[in-house]
Each structure stands twice: as C-alpha cells, then as structure tokens.
C-alpha cells in the first residue's frame, strides 16, 4: 500500500491523501506506520480510534486514518474529537491515538 502512496505523492506532492485501515491487532498498523516513515514523505498524521480490545484473531476493534499533507486545522480538530468519540463509543476497553509520523510535531 505504501508504494502506491509514494508513487502518487511523487506525481502530486501537494495533494492530500487519506489511507483508512482496519485495526484487529497492532502488527499490521505498526508495520504500515514504519513503512510510511521510511517513505520520506514530509507530513504524515496518524489518527486511530479503537472501541474494543484489539486482537489479531478477534473481531474488528477499531480503525485508523493516515493523512498525508493534512489540512492545517485537522490535527487540532481530531485532538478534540477522538477522546469524545472514544468516551461515547467505547465500552471501557477503547483507546485513541493521534500523532505525527513525519513533519509537524
């Protein structure tokens, strides 16, 4: 998946790209994040919301969104929304994450 994003980013480096992914366990989302960091893309924001415990062999527990070249207000908006969504949707075992994989820290 990151190869396609790298190719698109080379052709249009100012474009905004969104990558949605399911979260069952941590192995695949963490591998995707490492690949994106290695890509050399300058601005990458990651947002994740889990509403249940995540296990590789269990049901879908959450989802994530990686944003390349995010609009300048989106990290502030997500930092307000993710905790609220977690408290409304999660049944005690939820979590959220918002961090920059590259760029604005």
PDB file of N, CA and C in Angstrom:
ATOM      1  N   UNK A   1       0.817  -1.188   0.000  1.00  0.00           N
ATOM      2  CA  UNK A   1       0.000   0.000   0.000  1.00  0.00           C
ATOM      3  C   UNK A   1       0.864   1.256   0.000  1.00  0.00           C
ATOM      4  N   UNK A   2       1.950   1.260   0.743  1.00  0.00           N
ATOM      5  CA  UNK A   2       2.754   2.481   0.808  1.00  0.00           C
ATOM      6  C   UNK A   2       3.447   2.777  -0.525  1.00  0.00           C
ATOM      7  N   UNK A   3       3.722   1.760  -1.341  1.00  0.00           N
ATOM      8  CA  UNK A   3       4.329   2.011  -2.659  1.00  0.00           C
ATOM      9  C   UNK A   3       3.418   2.833  -3.550  1.00  0.00           C
ATOM     10  N   UNK A   4       2.128   2.511  -3.549  1.00  0.00           N
ATOM     11  CA  UNK A   4       1.170   3.272  -4.333  1.00  0.00           C
ATOM     12  C   UNK A   4       1.080   4.712  -3.855  1.00  0.00           C
ATOM     13  N   UNK A   5       1.121   4.897  -2.554  1.00  0.00           N
ATOM     14  CA  UNK A   5       1.087   6.243  -1.998  1.00  0.00           C
ATOM     15  C   UNK A   5       2.347   7.006  -2.366  1.00  0.00           C
ATOM     16  N   UNK A   6       3.492   6.361  -2.271  1.00  0.00           N
ATOM     17  CA  UNK A   6       4.751   7.020  -2.643  1.00  0.00           C
ATOM     18  C   UNK A   6       4.733   7.448  -4.106  1.00  0.00           C
ATOM     19  N   UNK A   7       4.210   6.594  -4.968  1.00  0.00           N
ATOM     20  CA  UNK A   7       4.131   6.921  -6.389  1.00  0.00           C
ATOM     21  C   UNK A   7       3.199   8.107  -6.621  1.00  0.00           C
ATOM     22  N   UNK A   8       2.037   8.090  -5.990  1.00  0.00           N
ATOM     23  CA  UNK A   8       1.093   9.202  -6.130  1.00  0.00           C
ATOM     24  C   UNK A   8       1.695  10.491  -5.583  1.00  0.00           C
ATOM     25  N   UNK A   9       2.396  10.392  -4.458  1.00  0.00           N
ATOM     26  CA  UNK A   9       2.994  11.577  -3.843  1.00  0.00           C
ATOM     27  C   UNK A   9       4.087  12.164  -4.729  1.00  0.00           C
ATOM     28  N   UNK A  10       4.844  11.313  -5.410  1.00  0.00           N
ATOM     29  CA  UNK A  10       5.867  11.824  -6.342  1.00  0.00           C
ATOM     30  C   UNK A  10       5.233  12.593  -7.489  1.00  0.00           C
ATOM     31  N   UNK A  11       4.092  12.102  -7.981  1.00  0.00           N
ATOM     32  CA  UNK A  11       3.425  12.760  -9.104  1.00  0.00           C
ATOM     33  C   UNK A  11       2.723  14.043  -8.685  1.00  0.00           C
ATOM     34  N   UNK A  12       2.190  14.069  -7.457  1.00  0.00           N
ATOM     35  CA  UNK A  12       1.466  15.250  -6.970  1.00  0.00           C
ATOM     36  C   UNK A  12       1.802  15.447  -5.494  1.00  0.00           C
ATOM     37  N   UNK A  13       2.960  16.039  -5.206  1.00  0.00           N
ATOM     38  CA  UNK A  13       3.444  16.127  -3.827  1.00  0.00           C
ATOM     39  C   UNK A  13       2.635  17.047  -2.915  1.00  0.00           C
ATOM     40  N   UNK A  14       1.789  17.903  -3.474  1.00  0.00           N
ATOM     41  CA  UNK A  14       0.995  18.797  -2.625  1.00  0.00           C
ATOM     42  C   UNK A  14      -0.412  18.256  -2.371  1.00  0.00           C
ATOM     43  N   UNK A  15      -0.727  17.091  -2.921  1.00  0.00           N
ATOM     44  CA  UNK A  15      -2.052  16.507  -2.732  1.00  0.00           C
ATOM     45  C   UNK A  15      -2.267  16.025  -1.314  1.00  0.00           C
ATOM     46  N   UNK A  16      -3.518  15.947  -0.918  1.00  0.00           N
ATOM     47  CA  UNK A  16      -3.894  15.391   0.379  1.00  0.00           C
ATOM     48  C   UNK A  16      -4.339  13.950   0.131  1.00  0.00           C
ATOM     49  N   UNK A  17      -3.723  13.020   0.854  1.00  0.00           N
ATOM     50  CA  UNK A  17      -4.016  11.596   0.685  1.00  0.00           C
ATOM     51  C   UNK A  17      -4.506  11.033   2.008  1.00  0.00           C
ATOM     52  N   UNK A  18      -5.557  10.219   1.945  1.00  0.00           N
ATOM     53  CA  UNK A  18      -6.114   9.568   3.123  1.00  0.00           C
ATOM     54  C   UNK A  18      -5.995   8.062   2.955  1.00  0.00           C
ATOM     55  N   UNK A  19      -5.478   7.409   3.976  1.00  0.00           N
ATOM     56  CA  UNK A  19      -5.405   5.948   3.989  1.00  0.00           C
ATOM     57  C   UNK A  19      -6.203   5.462   5.192  1.00  0.00           C
ATOM     58  N   UNK A  20      -7.312   4.773   4.954  1.00  0.00           N
ATOM     59  CA  UNK A  20      -8.099   4.189   6.031  1.00  0.00           C
ATOM     60  C   UNK A  20      -7.667   2.749   6.189  1.00  0.00           C
ATOM     61  N   UNK A  21      -7.603   2.265   7.429  1.00  0.00           N
ATOM     62  CA  UNK A  21      -7.247   0.864   7.647  1.00  0.00           C
ATOM     63  C   UNK A  21      -7.979   0.324   8.873  1.00  0.00           C
ATOM     64  N   UNK A  22      -8.330  -0.959   8.834  1.00  0.00           N
ATOM     65  CA  UNK A  22      -8.959  -1.595  10.000  1.00  0.00           C
ATOM     66  C   UNK A  22      -7.891  -1.952  11.031  1.00  0.00           C
ATOM     67  N   UNK A  23      -8.289  -2.041  12.273  1.00  0.00           N
ATOM     68  CA  UNK A  23      -7.365  -2.458  13.334  1.00  0.00           C
ATOM     69  C   UNK A  23      -7.957  -3.668  14.039  1.00  0.00           C
ATOM     70  N   UNK A  24      -7.284  -4.804  13.870  1.00  0.00           N
ATOM     71  CA  UNK A  24      -7.628  -6.008  14.619  1.00  0.00           C
ATOM     72  C   UNK A  24      -6.540  -6.259  15.646  1.00  0.00           C
ATOM     73  N   UNK A  25      -5.302  -6.149  15.240  1.00  0.00           N
ATOM     74  CA  UNK A  25      -4.154  -6.274  16.120  1.00  0.00           C
ATOM     75  C   UNK A  25      -3.213  -5.121  15.815  1.00  0.00           C
ATOM     76  N   UNK A  26      -2.084  -5.084  16.459  1.00  0.00           N
ATOM     77  CA  UNK A  26      -1.152  -3.974  16.272  1.00  0.00           C
ATOM     78  C   UNK A  26      -0.111  -4.228  15.178  1.00  0.00           C
ATOM     79  N   UNK A  27       0.112  -5.464  14.807  1.00  0.00           N
ATOM     80  CA  UNK A  27       1.202  -5.789  13.881  1.00  0.00           C
ATOM     81  C   UNK A  27       1.086  -5.057  12.544  1.00  0.00           C
ATOM     82  N   UNK A  28      -0.047  -5.142  11.873  1.00  0.00           N
ATOM     83  CA  UNK A  28      -0.191  -4.525  10.557  1.00  0.00           C
ATOM     84  C   UNK A  28      -0.211  -2.996  10.605  1.00  0.00           C
ATOM     85  N   UNK A  29      -0.973  -2.375  11.517  1.00  0.00           N
ATOM     86  CA  UNK A  29      -0.934  -0.903  11.567  1.00  0.00           C
ATOM     87  C   UNK A  29       0.458  -0.355  11.898  1.00  0.00           C
ATOM     88  N   UNK A  30       1.179  -1.033  12.771  1.00  0.00           N
ATOM     89  CA  UNK A  30       2.529  -0.572  13.118  1.00  0.00           C
ATOM     90  C   UNK A  30       3.502  -0.757  11.956  1.00  0.00           C
ATOM     91  N   UNK A  31       3.339  -1.839  11.191  1.00  0.00           N
ATOM     92  CA  UNK A  31       4.182  -2.055  10.012  1.00  0.00           C
ATOM     93  C   UNK A  31       3.897  -0.986   8.954  1.00  0.00           C
ATOM     94  N   UNK A  32       2.631  -0.633   8.774  1.00  0.00           N
ATOM     95  CA  UNK A  32       2.274   0.429   7.835  1.00  0.00           C
ATOM     96  C   UNK A  32       2.910   1.749   8.261  1.00  0.00           C
ATOM     97  N   UNK A  33       2.840   2.070   9.545  1.00  0.00           N
ATOM     98  CA  UNK A  33       3.435   3.320  10.039  1.00  0.00           C
ATOM     99  C   UNK A  33       4.936   3.350   9.792  1.00  0.00           C
ATOM    100  N   UNK A  34       5.621   2.238  10.048  1.00  0.00           N
ATOM    101  CA  UNK A  34       7.077   2.187   9.808  1.00  0.00           C
ATOM    102  C   UNK A  34       7.401   2.379   8.329  1.00  0.00           C
ATOM    103  N   UNK A  35       6.609   1.764   7.454  1.00  0.00           N
ATOM    104  CA  UNK A  35       6.831   1.914   6.007  1.00  0.00           C
ATOM    105  C   UNK A  35       6.606   3.360   5.576  1.00  0.00           C
ATOM    106  N   UNK A  36       5.604   4.004   6.120  1.00  0.00           N
ATOM    107  CA  UNK A  36       5.339   5.396   5.764  1.00  0.00           C
ATOM    108  C   UNK A  36       6.443   6.323   6.263  1.00  0.00           C
ATOM    109  N   UNK A  37       6.971   6.065   7.441  1.00  0.00           N
ATOM    110  CA  UNK A  37       8.091   6.865   7.950  1.00  0.00           C
ATOM    111  C   UNK A  37       9.290   6.725   7.023  1.00  0.00           C
ATOM    112  N   UNK A  38       9.561   5.503   6.566  1.00  0.00           N
ATOM    113  CA  UNK A  38      10.697   5.263   5.662  1.00  0.00           C
ATOM    114  C   UNK A  38      10.493   5.878   4.283  1.00  0.00           C
ATOM    115  N   UNK A  39       9.257   6.204   3.921  1.00  0.00           N
ATOM    116  CA  UNK A  39       8.974   6.723   2.578  1.00  0.00           C
ATOM    117  C   UNK A  39       9.602   8.090   2.330  1.00  0.00           C
ATOM    118  N   UNK A  40       9.867   8.837   3.386  1.00  0.00           N
ATOM    119  CA  UNK A  40      10.449  10.159   3.227  1.00  0.00           C
ATOM    120  C   UNK A  40       9.435  11.255   2.954  1.00  0.00           C
ATOM    121  N   UNK A  41       8.155  10.940   2.989  1.00  0.00           N
ATOM    122  CA  UNK A  41       7.116  11.958   2.807  1.00  0.00           C
ATOM    123  C   UNK A  41       7.180  12.909   3.998  1.00  0.00           C
ATOM    124  N   UNK A  42       7.064  14.208   3.719  1.00  0.00           N
ATOM    125  CA  UNK A  42       7.353  15.220   4.739  1.00  0.00           C
ATOM    126  C   UNK A  42       6.291  15.364   5.827  1.00  0.00           C
ATOM    127  N   UNK A  43       5.010  15.223   5.511  1.00  0.00           N
ATOM    128  CA  UNK A  43       3.954  15.438   6.510  1.00  0.00           C
ATOM    129  C   UNK A  43       2.977  14.272   6.507  1.00  0.00           C
ATOM    130  N   UNK A  44       2.972  13.526   7.619  1.00  0.00           N
ATOM    131  CA  UNK A  44       2.062  12.391   7.757  1.00  0.00           C
ATOM    132  C   UNK A  44       1.480  12.407   9.163  1.00  0.00           C
ATOM    133  N   UNK A  45       0.160  12.468   9.254  1.00  0.00           N
ATOM    134  CA  UNK A  45      -0.553  12.452  10.528  1.00  0.00           C
ATOM    135  C   UNK A  45      -1.323  11.137  10.639  1.00  0.00           C
ATOM    136  N   UNK A  46      -1.249  10.505  11.828  1.00  0.00           N
ATOM    137  CA  UNK A  46      -1.966   9.244  12.063  1.00  0.00           C
ATOM    138  C   UNK A  46      -3.013   9.457  13.149  1.00  0.00           C
ATOM    139  N   UNK A  47      -4.233   9.004  12.892  1.00  0.00           N
ATOM    140  CA  UNK A  47      -5.315   9.049  13.870  1.00  0.00           C
ATOM    141  C   UNK A  47      -5.943   7.660  13.952  1.00  0.00           C
ATOM    142  N   UNK A  48      -6.081   7.154  15.170  1.00  0.00           N
ATOM    143  CA  UNK A  48      -6.688   5.840  15.362  1.00  0.00           C
ATOM    144  C   UNK A  48      -7.729   5.911  16.469  1.00  0.00           C
ATOM    145  N   UNK A  49      -8.782   5.124  16.321  1.00  0.00           N
ATOM    146  CA  UNK A  49      -9.819   5.008  17.329  1.00  0.00           C
ATOM    147  C   UNK A  49     -10.184   3.540  17.472  1.00  0.00           C
ATOM    148  N   UNK A  50     -10.034   3.019  18.681  1.00  0.00           N
ATOM    149  CA  UNK A  50     -10.422   1.637  18.973  1.00  0.00           C
ATOM    150  C   UNK A  50     -11.550   1.677  19.987  1.00  0.00           C
ATOM    151  N   UNK A  51     -12.609   0.952  19.709  1.00  0.00           N
ATOM    152  CA  UNK A  51     -13.762   0.931  20.598  1.00  0.00           C
ATOM    153  C   UNK A  51     -13.859  -0.368  21.383  1.00  0.00           C
ATOM    154  N   UNK A  52     -12.919  -1.262  21.133  1.00  0.00           N
ATOM    155  CA  UNK A  52     -12.858  -2.540  21.840  1.00  0.00           C
ATOM    156  C   UNK A  52     -11.406  -2.999  21.852  1.00  0.00           C
ATOM    157  N   UNK A  53     -11.153  -4.038  22.610  1.00  0.00           N
ATOM    158  CA  UNK A  53      -9.807  -4.613  22.629  1.00  0.00           C
ATOM    159  C   UNK A  53      -9.469  -5.120  21.235  1.00  0.00           C
ATOM    160  N   UNK A  54      -8.210  -4.977  20.844  1.00  0.00           N
ATOM    161  CA  UNK A  54      -7.791  -5.422  19.518  1.00  0.00           C
ATOM    162  C   UNK A  54      -6.933  -6.674  19.648  1.00  0.00           C
ATOM    163  N   UNK A  55      -7.345  -7.714  18.935  1.00  0.00           N
ATOM    164  CA  UNK A  55      -6.620  -8.984  18.897  1.00  0.00           C
ATOM    165  C   UNK A  55      -6.544  -9.439  17.445  1.00  0.00           C
ATOM    166  N   UNK A  56      -5.403  -9.996  17.067  1.00  0.00           N
ATOM    167  CA  UNK A  56      -5.213 -10.444  15.683  1.00  0.00           C
ATOM    168  C   UNK A  56      -6.324 -11.376  15.215  1.00  0.00           C
ATOM    169  N   UNK A  57      -6.751 -12.277  16.066  1.00  0.00           N
ATOM    170  CA  UNK A  57      -7.753 -13.271  15.680  1.00  0.00           C
ATOM    171  C   UNK A  57      -9.156 -12.893  16.121  1.00  0.00           C
ATOM    172  N   UNK A  58      -9.314 -11.720  16.734  1.00  0.00           N
ATOM    173  CA  UNK A  58     -10.624 -11.313  17.219  1.00  0.00           C
ATOM    174  C   UNK A  58     -11.384 -10.484  16.202  1.00  0.00           C
ATOM    175  N   UNK A  59     -12.497  -9.932  16.635  1.00  0.00           N
ATOM    176  CA  UNK A  59     -13.282  -9.073  15.741  1.00  0.00           C
ATOM    177  C   UNK A  59     -12.600  -7.719  15.545  1.00  0.00           C
ATOM    178  N   UNK A  60     -13.085  -6.976  14.609  1.00  0.00           N
ATOM    179  CA  UNK A  60     -12.569  -5.640  14.348  1.00  0.00           C
ATOM    180  C   UNK A  60     -12.745  -4.793  15.609  1.00  0.00           C
ATOM    181  N   UNK A  61     -11.648  -4.196  16.078  1.00  0.00           N
ATOM    182  CA  UNK A  61     -11.704  -3.414  17.308  1.00  0.00           C
ATOM    183  C   UNK A  61     -11.643  -1.922  17.085  1.00  0.00           C
ATOM    184  N   UNK A  62     -11.176  -1.517  15.914  1.00  0.00           N
ATOM    185  CA  UNK A  62     -11.053  -0.086  15.650  1.00  0.00           C
ATOM    186  C   UNK A  62     -10.621   0.163  14.222  1.00  0.00           C
ATOM    187  N   UNK A  63     -10.283   1.412  13.957  1.00  0.00           N
ATOM    188  CA  UNK A  63      -9.810   1.768  12.626  1.00  0.00           C
ATOM    189  C   UNK A  63      -8.870   2.960  12.739  1.00  0.00           C
ATOM    190  N   UNK A  64      -8.108   3.145  11.690  1.00  0.00           N
ATOM    191  CA  UNK A  64      -7.150   4.237  11.660  1.00  0.00           C
ATOM    192  C   UNK A  64      -7.245   4.997  10.351  1.00  0.00           C
ATOM    193  N   UNK A  65      -6.737   6.199  10.397  1.00  0.00           N
ATOM    194  CA  UNK A  65      -6.698   7.060   9.226  1.00  0.00           C
ATOM    195  C   UNK A  65      -5.335   7.731   9.206  1.00  0.00           C
ATOM    196  N   UNK A  66      -4.617   7.553   8.127  1.00  0.00           N
ATOM    197  CA  UNK A  66      -3.344   8.229   7.935  1.00  0.00           C
ATOM    198  C   UNK A  66      -3.570   9.311   6.891  1.00  0.00           C
ATOM    199  N   UNK A  67      -3.123  10.521   7.209  1.00  0.00           N
ATOM    200  CA  UNK A  67      -3.344  11.660   6.326  1.00  0.00           C
ATOM    201  C   UNK A  67      -1.999  12.232   5.908  1.00  0.00           C
ATOM    202  N   UNK A  68      -1.750  12.245   4.613  1.00  0.00           N
ATOM    203  CA  UNK A  68      -0.543  12.860   4.058  1.00  0.00           C
ATOM    204  C   UNK A  68      -0.918  14.280   3.647  1.00  0.00           C
ATOM    205  N   UNK A  69      -0.101  15.239   4.040  1.00  0.00           N
ATOM    206  CA  UNK A  69      -0.360  16.671   3.793  1.00  0.00           C
ATOM    207  C   UNK A  69      -1.717  17.091   4.359  1.00  0.00           C
ATOM    208  N   UNK A  70      -1.943  16.844   5.653  1.00  0.00           N
ATOM    209  CA  UNK A  70      -3.260  17.164   6.214  1.00  0.00           C
ATOM    210  C   UNK A  70      -3.535  18.662   6.197  1.00  0.00           C
ATOM    211  N   UNK A  71      -4.810  19.049   6.071  1.00  0.00           N
ATOM    212  CA  UNK A  71      -5.150  20.463   6.197  1.00  0.00           C
ATOM    213  C   UNK A  71      -4.677  20.984   7.558  1.00  0.00           C
ATOM    214  N   UNK A  72      -4.321  22.237   7.641  1.00  0.00           N
ATOM    215  CA  UNK A  72      -3.627  22.751   8.816  1.00  0.00           C
ATOM    216  C   UNK A  72      -4.436  22.716  10.099  1.00  0.00           C
ATOM    217  N   UNK A  73      -5.750  22.599  10.061  1.00  0.00           N
ATOM    218  CA  UNK A  73      -6.534  22.560  11.294  1.00  0.00           C
ATOM    219  C   UNK A  73      -6.933  21.155  11.725  1.00  0.00           C
ATOM    220  N   UNK A  74      -6.667  20.164  10.915  1.00  0.00           N
ATOM    221  CA  UNK A  74      -7.226  18.836  11.182  1.00  0.00           C
ATOM    222  C   UNK A  74      -6.638  18.197  12.439  1.00  0.00           C
ATOM    223  N   UNK A  75      -5.375  18.414  12.768  1.00  0.00           N
ATOM    224  CA  UNK A  75      -4.837  17.792  13.980  1.00  0.00           C
ATOM    225  C   UNK A  75      -5.498  18.360  15.232  1.00  0.00           C
ATOM    226  N   UNK A  76      -5.784  19.647  15.259  1.00  0.00           N
ATOM    227  CA  UNK A  76      -6.492  20.234  16.391  1.00  0.00           C
ATOM    228  C   UNK A  76      -7.918  19.720  16.505  1.00  0.00           C
ATOM    229  N   UNK A  77      -8.582  19.589  15.374  1.00  0.00           N
ATOM    230  CA  UNK A  77      -9.950  19.077  15.386  1.00  0.00           C
ATOM    231  C   UNK A  77     -10.000  17.625  15.840  1.00  0.00           C
ATOM    232  N   UNK A  78      -9.071  16.817  15.338  1.00  0.00           N
ATOM    233  CA  UNK A  78      -9.032  15.413  15.747  1.00  0.00           C
ATOM    234  C   UNK A  78      -8.656  15.258  17.215  1.00  0.00           C
ATOM    235  N   UNK A  79      -7.790  16.128  17.727  1.00  0.00           N
ATOM    236  CA  UNK A  79      -7.409  16.019  19.143  1.00  0.00           C
ATOM    237  C   UNK A  79      -8.597  16.304  20.060  1.00  0.00           C
ATOM    238  N   UNK A  80      -9.567  17.068  19.591  1.00  0.00           N
ATOM    239  CA  UNK A  80     -10.789  17.303  20.366  1.00  0.00           C
ATOM    240  C   UNK A  80     -11.816  16.189  20.149  1.00  0.00           C
ATOM    241  N   UNK A  81     -11.905  15.682  18.930  1.00  0.00           N
ATOM    242  CA  UNK A  81     -12.940  14.703  18.597  1.00  0.00           C
ATOM    243  C   UNK A  81     -12.636  13.290  19.076  1.00  0.00           C
ATOM    244  N   UNK A  82     -11.392  12.840  18.969  1.00  0.00           N
ATOM    245  CA  UNK A  82     -11.080  11.444  19.292  1.00  0.00           C
ATOM    246  C   UNK A  82     -11.413  11.070  20.737  1.00  0.00           C
ATOM    247  N   UNK A  83     -11.032  11.873  21.752  1.00  0.00           N
ATOM    248  CA  UNK A  83     -11.418  11.499  23.118  1.00  0.00           C
ATOM    249  C   UNK A  83     -12.936  11.464  23.311  1.00  0.00           C
ATOM    250  N   UNK A  84     -13.641  12.394  22.676  1.00  0.00           N
ATOM    251  CA  UNK A  84     -15.102  12.410  22.796  1.00  0.00           C
ATOM    252  C   UNK A  84     -15.712  11.169  22.145  1.00  0.00           C
ATOM    253  N   UNK A  85     -15.241  10.818  20.956  1.00  0.00           N
ATOM    254  CA  UNK A  85     -15.744   9.615  20.289  1.00  0.00           C
ATOM    255  C   UNK A  85     -15.435   8.365  21.101  1.00  0.00           C
ATOM    256  N   UNK A  86     -14.235   8.300  21.668  1.00  0.00           N
ATOM    257  CA  UNK A  86     -13.873   7.150  22.482  1.00  0.00           C
ATOM    258  C   UNK A  86     -14.818   7.011  23.673  1.00  0.00           C
ATOM    259  N   UNK A  87     -15.097   8.098  24.351  1.00  0.00           N
ATOM    260  CA  UNK A  87     -15.962   8.015  25.534  1.00  0.00           C
ATOM    261  C   UNK A  87     -17.398   7.632  25.162  1.00  0.00           C
ATOM    262  N   UNK A  88     -17.846   8.028  23.985  1.00  0.00           N
ATOM    263  CA  UNK A  88     -19.210   7.709  23.563  1.00  0.00           C
ATOM    264  C   UNK A  88     -19.316   6.282  23.022  1.00  0.00           C
ATOM    265  N   UNK A  89     -18.320   5.861  22.227  1.00  0.00           N
ATOM    266  CA  UNK A  89     -18.428   4.592  21.502  1.00  0.00           C
ATOM    267  C   UNK A  89     -17.792   3.393  22.193  1.00  0.00           C
ATOM    268  N   UNK A  90     -16.762   3.616  23.002  1.00  0.00           N
ATOM    269  CA  UNK A  90     -16.025   2.501  23.594  1.00  0.00           C
ATOM    270  C   UNK A  90     -16.714   2.016  24.860  1.00  0.00           C
ATOM    271  N   UNK A  91     -16.675   0.715  25.029  1.00  0.00           N
ATOM    272  CA  UNK A  91     -17.273   0.103  26.220  1.00  0.00           C
ATOM    273  C   UNK A  91     -16.186  -0.196  27.246  1.00  0.00           C
ATOM    274  N   UNK A  92     -15.410   0.793  27.611  1.00  0.00           N
ATOM    275  CA  UNK A  92     -14.387   0.619  28.645  1.00  0.00           C
ATOM    276  C   UNK A  92     -13.028   0.174  28.146  1.00  0.00           C
ATOM    277  N   UNK A  93     -12.961  -0.502  27.017  1.00  0.00           N
ATOM    278  CA  UNK A  93     -11.679  -1.020  26.536  1.00  0.00           C
ATOM    279  C   UNK A  93     -11.159  -0.223  25.347  1.00  0.00           C
ATOM    280  N   UNK A  94     -11.674   0.959  25.131  1.00  0.00           N
ATOM    281  CA  UNK A  94     -11.296   1.737  23.960  1.00  0.00           C
ATOM    282  C   UNK A  94     -10.018   2.534  24.162  1.00  0.00           C
ATOM    283  N   UNK A  95      -9.518   3.049  23.048  1.00  0.00           N
ATOM    284  CA  UNK A  95      -8.330   3.896  23.076  1.00  0.00           C
ATOM    285  C   UNK A  95      -8.323   4.753  21.821  1.00  0.00           C
ATOM    286  N   UNK A  96      -7.476   5.747  21.842  1.00  0.00           N
ATOM    287  CA  UNK A  96      -7.285   6.564  20.644  1.00  0.00           C
ATOM    288  C   UNK A  96      -5.831   6.996  20.570  1.00  0.00           C
ATOM    289  N   UNK A  97      -5.425   7.361  19.365  1.00  0.00           N
ATOM    290  CA  UNK A  97      -4.045   7.798  19.127  1.00  0.00           C
ATOM    291  C   UNK A  97      -4.080   8.871  18.056  1.00  0.00           C
ATOM    292  N   UNK A  98      -3.310   9.917  18.291  1.00  0.00           N
ATOM    293  CA  UNK A  98      -3.134  10.964  17.296  1.00  0.00           C
ATOM    294  C   UNK A  98      -1.675  11.384  17.370  1.00  0.00           C
ATOM    295  N   UNK A  99      -0.933  11.129  16.305  1.00  0.00           N
ATOM    296  CA  UNK A  99       0.475  11.501  16.305  1.00  0.00           C
ATOM    297  C   UNK A  99       0.977  11.757  14.888  1.00  0.00           C
ATOM    298  N   UNK A 100       2.045  12.514  14.836  1.00  0.00           N
ATOM    299  CA  UNK A 100       2.691  12.806  13.553  1.00  0.00           C
ATOM    300  C   UNK A 100       3.745  11.736  13.301  1.00  0.00           C
ATOM    301  N   UNK A 101       3.621  11.039  12.184  1.00  0.00           N
ATOM    302  CA  UNK A 101       4.652  10.085  11.779  1.00  0.00           C
ATOM    303  C   UNK A 101       5.812  10.825  11.131  1.00  0.00           C
ATOM    304  N   UNK A 102       5.507  11.947  10.508  1.00  0.00           N
ATOM    305  CA  UNK A 102       6.535  12.792   9.882  1.00  0.00           C
ATOM    306  C   UNK A 102       6.024  14.214   9.871  1.00  0.00           C
ATOM    307  N   UNK A 103       6.897  15.147  10.084  1.00  0.00           N
ATOM    308  CA  UNK A 103       6.527  16.553   9.985  1.00  0.00           C
ATOM    309  C   UNK A 103       6.192  17.205  11.287  1.00  0.00           C
ATOM    310  N   UNK A 104       5.131  17.962  11.320  1.00  0.00           N
ATOM    311  CA  UNK A 104       4.742  18.827  12.424  1.00  0.00           C
ATOM    312  C   UNK A 104       4.650  18.053  13.734  1.00  0.00           C
ATOM    313  N   UNK A 105       5.475  18.431  14.653  1.00  0.00           N
ATOM    314  CA  UNK A 105       5.463  17.762  15.971  1.00  0.00           C
ATOM    315  C   UNK A 105       5.295  18.763  17.048  1.00  0.00           C
TER     316      UNK A 105
END
